Amino acid sequence: MCLFLLSSLLLAQGIRKQVTGRVEKRKMQVDRAYLFRFILFAAVAFLYTRIIRYTGYIVATPLFIVGIMLIFAEKKWYRIVLVSTITTAILYSVFRMIFRVPLPRLSLW
């Protein structure tokens, strides 16, 4: 709830700056690029929530992370592979083994 309130506050501040005209035209073009990336991020996140029940956490999460890194213009393939693999392993360990949260599994396992 706190994160929602704080992000709403940041959103209101950004809108207020644009309305008062303190945002330069050049910066506005950059903001459109970020907005486009955010929309792509939201689409990939929505797709992730739809495919995770069929593919399971271990398959869907690295693909999700790879997609997000590509959206935000990561070019180095070894970094993409390492980050997606290590992040998935750490999150799986924390939630499945430590907190005992049941994560979606592929029906083959």
N, C-alpha and C. Protein backbone atom coordinates (compact mmCIF):
# COMPACT_ATOMS: atom_id res chain seq x y z
N MET A 1 0.82 -1.19 0.00
CA MET A 1 0.00 0.00 0.00
C MET A 1 0.87 1.26 0.00
N CYS A 2 1.96 1.20 0.77
CA CYS A 2 2.87 2.36 0.82
C CYS A 2 3.50 2.61 -0.54
N LEU A 3 3.91 1.55 -1.23
CA LEU A 3 4.50 1.73 -2.55
C LEU A 3 3.49 2.33 -3.52
N PHE A 4 2.24 1.90 -3.43
CA PHE A 4 1.20 2.45 -4.29
C PHE A 4 1.02 3.94 -4.02
N LEU A 5 0.98 4.32 -2.76
CA LEU A 5 0.82 5.73 -2.42
C LEU A 5 2.02 6.57 -2.88
N LEU A 6 3.22 6.06 -2.67
CA LEU A 6 4.40 6.81 -3.08
C LEU A 6 4.50 6.94 -4.60
N SER A 7 4.17 5.87 -5.32
CA SER A 7 4.21 5.97 -6.78
C SER A 7 3.11 6.88 -7.30
N SER A 8 1.97 6.92 -6.63
CA SER A 8 0.92 7.86 -7.02
C SER A 8 1.38 9.30 -6.81
N LEU A 9 2.10 9.52 -5.73
CA LEU A 9 2.64 10.85 -5.45
C LEU A 9 3.64 11.26 -6.54
N LEU A 10 4.52 10.35 -6.94
CA LEU A 10 5.47 10.65 -8.01
C LEU A 10 4.76 10.92 -9.33
N LEU A 11 3.73 10.16 -9.62
CA LEU A 11 2.96 10.37 -10.84
C LEU A 11 2.30 11.75 -10.82
N ALA A 12 1.72 12.13 -9.70
CA ALA A 12 1.08 13.44 -9.59
C ALA A 12 2.10 14.56 -9.75
N GLN A 13 3.30 14.40 -9.19
CA GLN A 13 4.34 15.41 -9.35
C GLN A 13 4.76 15.55 -10.80
N GLY A 14 4.90 14.43 -11.50
CA GLY A 14 5.27 14.48 -12.92
C GLY A 14 4.22 15.16 -13.76
N ILE A 15 2.97 14.86 -13.49
CA ILE A 15 1.87 15.50 -14.24
C ILE A 15 1.84 16.99 -13.95
N ARG A 16 2.03 17.35 -12.71
CA ARG A 16 2.01 18.77 -12.35
C ARG A 16 3.14 19.54 -13.02
N LYS A 17 4.33 18.93 -13.14
CA LYS A 17 5.44 19.58 -13.82
C LYS A 17 5.13 19.78 -15.30
N GLN A 18 4.50 18.81 -15.92
CA GLN A 18 4.17 18.95 -17.33
C GLN A 18 3.09 20.00 -17.55
N VAL A 19 2.14 20.08 -16.65
CA VAL A 19 1.06 21.05 -16.78
C VAL A 19 1.59 22.47 -16.60
N THR A 20 2.48 22.65 -15.65
CA THR A 20 3.01 23.99 -15.40
C THR A 20 4.01 24.43 -16.46
N GLY A 21 4.41 23.52 -17.34
CA GLY A 21 5.27 23.89 -18.45
C GLY A 21 6.74 23.91 -18.13
N ARG A 22 7.15 23.30 -17.03
CA ARG A 22 8.56 23.28 -16.68
C ARG A 22 9.34 22.19 -17.41
N VAL A 23 8.67 21.41 -18.20
CA VAL A 23 9.33 20.34 -18.94
C VAL A 23 9.66 20.84 -20.34
N GLU A 24 10.90 20.72 -20.74
CA GLU A 24 11.31 21.19 -22.06
C GLU A 24 10.77 20.26 -23.14
N LYS A 25 10.69 20.78 -24.34
CA LYS A 25 10.19 19.99 -25.46
C LYS A 25 11.11 18.80 -25.74
N ARG A 26 12.43 19.00 -25.64
CA ARG A 26 13.39 17.92 -25.86
C ARG A 26 13.20 16.80 -24.85
N LYS A 27 12.99 17.16 -23.61
CA LYS A 27 12.78 16.16 -22.57
C LYS A 27 11.46 15.42 -22.80
N MET A 28 10.50 16.10 -23.36
CA MET A 28 9.20 15.47 -23.64
C MET A 28 9.37 14.33 -24.62
N GLN A 29 10.27 14.46 -25.60
CA GLN A 29 10.52 13.38 -26.55
C GLN A 29 11.15 12.18 -25.85
N VAL A 30 12.04 12.43 -24.93
CA VAL A 30 12.63 11.34 -24.15
C VAL A 30 11.56 10.65 -23.32
N ASP A 31 10.66 11.42 -22.76
CA ASP A 31 9.59 10.85 -21.96
C ASP A 31 8.67 9.96 -22.80
N ARG A 32 8.49 10.29 -24.07
CA ARG A 32 7.69 9.43 -24.95
C ARG A 32 8.36 8.09 -25.16
N ALA A 33 9.68 8.09 -25.26
CA ALA A 33 10.42 6.83 -25.40
C ALA A 33 10.25 5.98 -24.15
N TYR A 34 10.34 6.60 -22.99
CA TYR A 34 10.13 5.86 -21.74
C TYR A 34 8.69 5.38 -21.63
N LEU A 35 7.76 6.19 -22.08
CA LEU A 35 6.36 5.78 -22.05
C LEU A 35 6.13 4.57 -22.94
N PHE A 36 6.74 4.58 -24.12
CA PHE A 36 6.63 3.44 -25.03
C PHE A 36 7.23 2.19 -24.39
N ARG A 37 8.38 2.33 -23.75
CA ARG A 37 9.00 1.19 -23.05
C ARG A 37 8.13 0.71 -21.90
N PHE A 38 7.52 1.63 -21.20
CA PHE A 38 6.64 1.24 -20.10
C PHE A 38 5.44 0.46 -20.61
N ILE A 39 4.88 0.89 -21.73
CA ILE A 39 3.73 0.18 -22.31
C ILE A 39 4.16 -1.23 -22.74
N LEU A 40 5.34 -1.34 -23.36
CA LEU A 40 5.87 -2.65 -23.71
C LEU A 40 6.11 -3.50 -22.46
N PHE A 41 6.63 -2.87 -21.42
CA PHE A 41 6.86 -3.57 -20.15
C PHE A 41 5.54 -4.12 -19.60
N ALA A 42 4.51 -3.30 -19.62
CA ALA A 42 3.20 -3.73 -19.13
C ALA A 42 2.65 -4.89 -19.97
N ALA A 43 2.86 -4.84 -21.28
CA ALA A 43 2.39 -5.92 -22.15
C ALA A 43 3.14 -7.22 -21.86
N VAL A 44 4.45 -7.13 -21.69
CA VAL A 44 5.24 -8.33 -21.38
C VAL A 44 4.85 -8.88 -20.00
N ALA A 45 4.62 -8.00 -19.05
CA ALA A 45 4.20 -8.45 -17.71
C ALA A 45 2.84 -9.13 -17.76
N PHE A 46 1.92 -8.58 -18.55
CA PHE A 46 0.61 -9.21 -18.71
C PHE A 46 0.75 -10.59 -19.35
N LEU A 47 1.58 -10.67 -20.38
CA LEU A 47 1.83 -11.96 -21.04
C LEU A 47 2.45 -12.95 -20.06
N TYR A 48 3.36 -12.48 -19.23
CA TYR A 48 3.99 -13.33 -18.21
C TYR A 48 2.96 -13.92 -17.26
N THR A 49 2.01 -13.10 -16.82
CA THR A 49 0.99 -13.61 -15.91
C THR A 49 0.08 -14.63 -16.57
N ARG A 50 -0.03 -14.56 -17.87
CA ARG A 50 -0.88 -15.51 -18.60
C ARG A 50 -0.16 -16.83 -18.89
N ILE A 51 1.14 -16.78 -19.18
CA ILE A 51 1.83 -18.02 -19.55
C ILE A 51 2.43 -18.76 -18.36
N ILE A 52 2.56 -18.11 -17.21
CA ILE A 52 3.22 -18.76 -16.07
C ILE A 52 2.45 -19.98 -15.59
N ARG A 53 1.15 -19.97 -15.70
CA ARG A 53 0.37 -21.13 -15.24
C ARG A 53 0.56 -22.34 -16.14
N TYR A 54 0.92 -22.11 -17.40
CA TYR A 54 1.12 -23.22 -18.33
C TYR A 54 2.57 -23.70 -18.39
N THR A 55 3.51 -22.76 -18.32
CA THR A 55 4.91 -23.12 -18.44
C THR A 55 5.62 -23.29 -17.12
N GLY A 56 5.06 -22.75 -16.05
CA GLY A 56 5.70 -22.83 -14.75
C GLY A 56 6.65 -21.67 -14.52
N TYR A 57 7.01 -21.51 -13.25
CA TYR A 57 7.85 -20.38 -12.84
C TYR A 57 9.24 -20.46 -13.45
N ILE A 58 9.83 -21.63 -13.44
CA ILE A 58 11.22 -21.78 -13.85
C ILE A 58 11.40 -21.52 -15.35
N VAL A 59 10.41 -21.76 -16.15
CA VAL A 59 10.50 -21.50 -17.58
C VAL A 59 10.09 -20.06 -17.91
N ALA A 60 9.02 -19.57 -17.31
CA ALA A 60 8.46 -18.27 -17.67
C ALA A 60 9.29 -17.09 -17.14
N THR A 61 9.86 -17.22 -15.96
CA THR A 61 10.54 -16.09 -15.35
C THR A 61 11.81 -15.67 -16.10
N PRO A 62 12.69 -16.59 -16.50
CA PRO A 62 13.84 -16.13 -17.28
C PRO A 62 13.43 -15.49 -18.60
N LEU A 63 12.40 -16.01 -19.24
CA LEU A 63 11.93 -15.40 -20.48
C LEU A 63 11.40 -13.99 -20.23
N PHE A 64 10.71 -13.81 -19.11
CA PHE A 64 10.20 -12.49 -18.74
C PHE A 64 11.36 -11.51 -18.52
N ILE A 65 12.37 -11.94 -17.79
CA ILE A 65 13.50 -11.07 -17.51
C ILE A 65 14.27 -10.73 -18.79
N VAL A 66 14.44 -11.71 -19.66
CA VAL A 66 15.09 -11.47 -20.95
C VAL A 66 14.30 -10.43 -21.75
N GLY A 67 12.98 -10.58 -21.79
CA GLY A 67 12.15 -9.63 -22.51
C GLY A 67 12.27 -8.22 -21.98
N ILE A 68 12.28 -8.08 -20.67
CA ILE A 68 12.40 -6.76 -20.06
C ILE A 68 13.77 -6.16 -20.34
N MET A 69 14.81 -6.97 -20.26
CA MET A 69 16.15 -6.44 -20.53
C MET A 69 16.29 -6.02 -21.99
N LEU A 70 15.66 -6.73 -22.89
CA LEU A 70 15.70 -6.34 -24.30
C LEU A 70 14.91 -5.06 -24.54
N ILE A 71 13.79 -4.90 -23.85
CA ILE A 71 13.00 -3.68 -23.98
C ILE A 71 13.81 -2.47 -23.54
N PHE A 72 14.58 -2.65 -22.46
CA PHE A 72 15.37 -1.53 -21.95
C PHE A 72 16.79 -1.52 -22.52
N ALA A 73 16.94 -2.11 -23.72
CA ALA A 73 18.11 -1.96 -24.59
C ALA A 73 19.41 -2.54 -24.04
N GLU A 74 19.32 -3.64 -23.35
CA GLU A 74 20.55 -4.34 -22.96
C GLU A 74 21.08 -5.07 -24.19
N LYS A 75 22.34 -4.87 -24.50
CA LYS A 75 22.92 -5.42 -25.73
C LYS A 75 23.78 -6.66 -25.49
N LYS A 76 24.37 -6.76 -24.33
CA LYS A 76 25.31 -7.84 -24.05
C LYS A 76 24.57 -9.13 -23.71
N TRP A 77 24.67 -10.11 -24.60
CA TRP A 77 23.90 -11.35 -24.43
C TRP A 77 24.32 -12.12 -23.19
N TYR A 78 25.62 -12.09 -22.85
CA TYR A 78 26.06 -12.83 -21.67
C TYR A 78 25.48 -12.22 -20.39
N ARG A 79 25.31 -10.91 -20.36
CA ARG A 79 24.71 -10.26 -19.20
C ARG A 79 23.22 -10.62 -19.10
N ILE A 80 22.56 -10.67 -20.24
CA ILE A 80 21.14 -11.05 -20.25
C ILE A 80 20.96 -12.47 -19.72
N VAL A 81 21.79 -13.38 -20.19
CA VAL A 81 21.70 -14.78 -19.76
C VAL A 81 22.02 -14.90 -18.27
N LEU A 82 23.10 -14.27 -17.82
CA LEU A 82 23.48 -14.36 -16.41
C LEU A 82 22.43 -13.76 -15.49
N VAL A 83 21.97 -12.57 -15.81
CA VAL A 83 21.00 -11.90 -14.94
C VAL A 83 19.69 -12.68 -14.87
N SER A 84 19.20 -13.15 -16.01
CA SER A 84 17.93 -13.87 -16.00
C SER A 84 18.05 -15.20 -15.25
N THR A 85 19.15 -15.90 -15.43
CA THR A 85 19.34 -17.19 -14.76
C THR A 85 19.55 -17.02 -13.26
N ILE A 86 20.44 -16.12 -12.88
CA ILE A 86 20.76 -15.93 -11.46
C ILE A 86 19.56 -15.35 -10.72
N THR A 87 18.88 -14.39 -11.31
CA THR A 87 17.70 -13.80 -10.66
C THR A 87 16.61 -14.84 -10.45
N THR A 88 16.37 -15.66 -11.45
CA THR A 88 15.35 -16.71 -11.31
C THR A 88 15.74 -17.69 -10.21
N ALA A 89 17.00 -18.09 -10.17
CA ALA A 89 17.46 -19.03 -9.14
C ALA A 89 17.34 -18.44 -7.74
N ILE A 90 17.73 -17.19 -7.59
CA ILE A 90 17.65 -16.55 -6.27
C ILE A 90 16.20 -16.40 -5.83
N LEU A 91 15.34 -15.90 -6.72
CA LEU A 91 13.94 -15.73 -6.36
C LEU A 91 13.27 -17.07 -6.07
N TYR A 92 13.61 -18.10 -6.85
CA TYR A 92 13.05 -19.42 -6.59
C TYR A 92 13.49 -19.93 -5.22
N SER A 93 14.77 -19.76 -4.90
CA SER A 93 15.28 -20.20 -3.60
C SER A 93 14.60 -19.47 -2.46
N VAL A 94 14.46 -18.17 -2.60
CA VAL A 94 13.86 -17.39 -1.51
C VAL A 94 12.40 -17.76 -1.31
N PHE A 95 11.62 -17.77 -2.38
CA PHE A 95 10.19 -17.98 -2.22
C PHE A 95 9.81 -19.44 -2.04
N ARG A 96 10.43 -20.34 -2.75
CA ARG A 96 10.04 -21.75 -2.67
C ARG A 96 10.68 -22.45 -1.49
N MET A 97 11.96 -22.24 -1.27
CA MET A 97 12.67 -23.00 -0.24
C MET A 97 12.66 -22.33 1.12
N ILE A 98 12.78 -21.02 1.16
CA ILE A 98 12.84 -20.33 2.46
C ILE A 98 11.44 -19.99 2.95
N PHE A 99 10.64 -19.31 2.13
CA PHE A 99 9.30 -18.91 2.56
C PHE A 99 8.24 -19.97 2.34
N ARG A 100 8.59 -21.05 1.63
CA ARG A 100 7.67 -22.16 1.35
C ARG A 100 6.41 -21.73 0.60
N VAL A 101 6.59 -20.82 -0.36
CA VAL A 101 5.49 -20.36 -1.19
C VAL A 101 5.38 -21.30 -2.40
N PRO A 102 4.21 -21.87 -2.64
CA PRO A 102 4.09 -22.74 -3.82
C PRO A 102 4.11 -21.90 -5.09
N LEU A 103 5.04 -22.20 -5.97
CA LEU A 103 5.17 -21.49 -7.24
C LEU A 103 4.59 -22.36 -8.36
N PRO A 104 4.08 -21.73 -9.42
CA PRO A 104 3.53 -22.52 -10.52
C PRO A 104 4.59 -23.41 -11.14
N ARG A 105 4.18 -24.64 -11.46
CA ARG A 105 5.11 -25.60 -12.05
C ARG A 105 4.62 -26.07 -13.39
N LEU A 106 5.55 -26.46 -14.24
CA LEU A 106 5.22 -27.07 -15.51
C LEU A 106 4.63 -28.44 -15.23
N SER A 107 3.61 -28.82 -15.94
CA SER A 107 2.93 -30.08 -15.64
C SER A 107 3.81 -31.31 -15.89
N LEU A 108 4.95 -31.14 -16.55
CA LEU A 108 5.86 -32.26 -16.78
C LEU A 108 6.70 -32.60 -15.55
N TRP A 109 6.84 -31.67 -14.61
CA TRP A 109 7.68 -31.94 -13.43
C TRP A 109 6.89 -32.72 -12.42
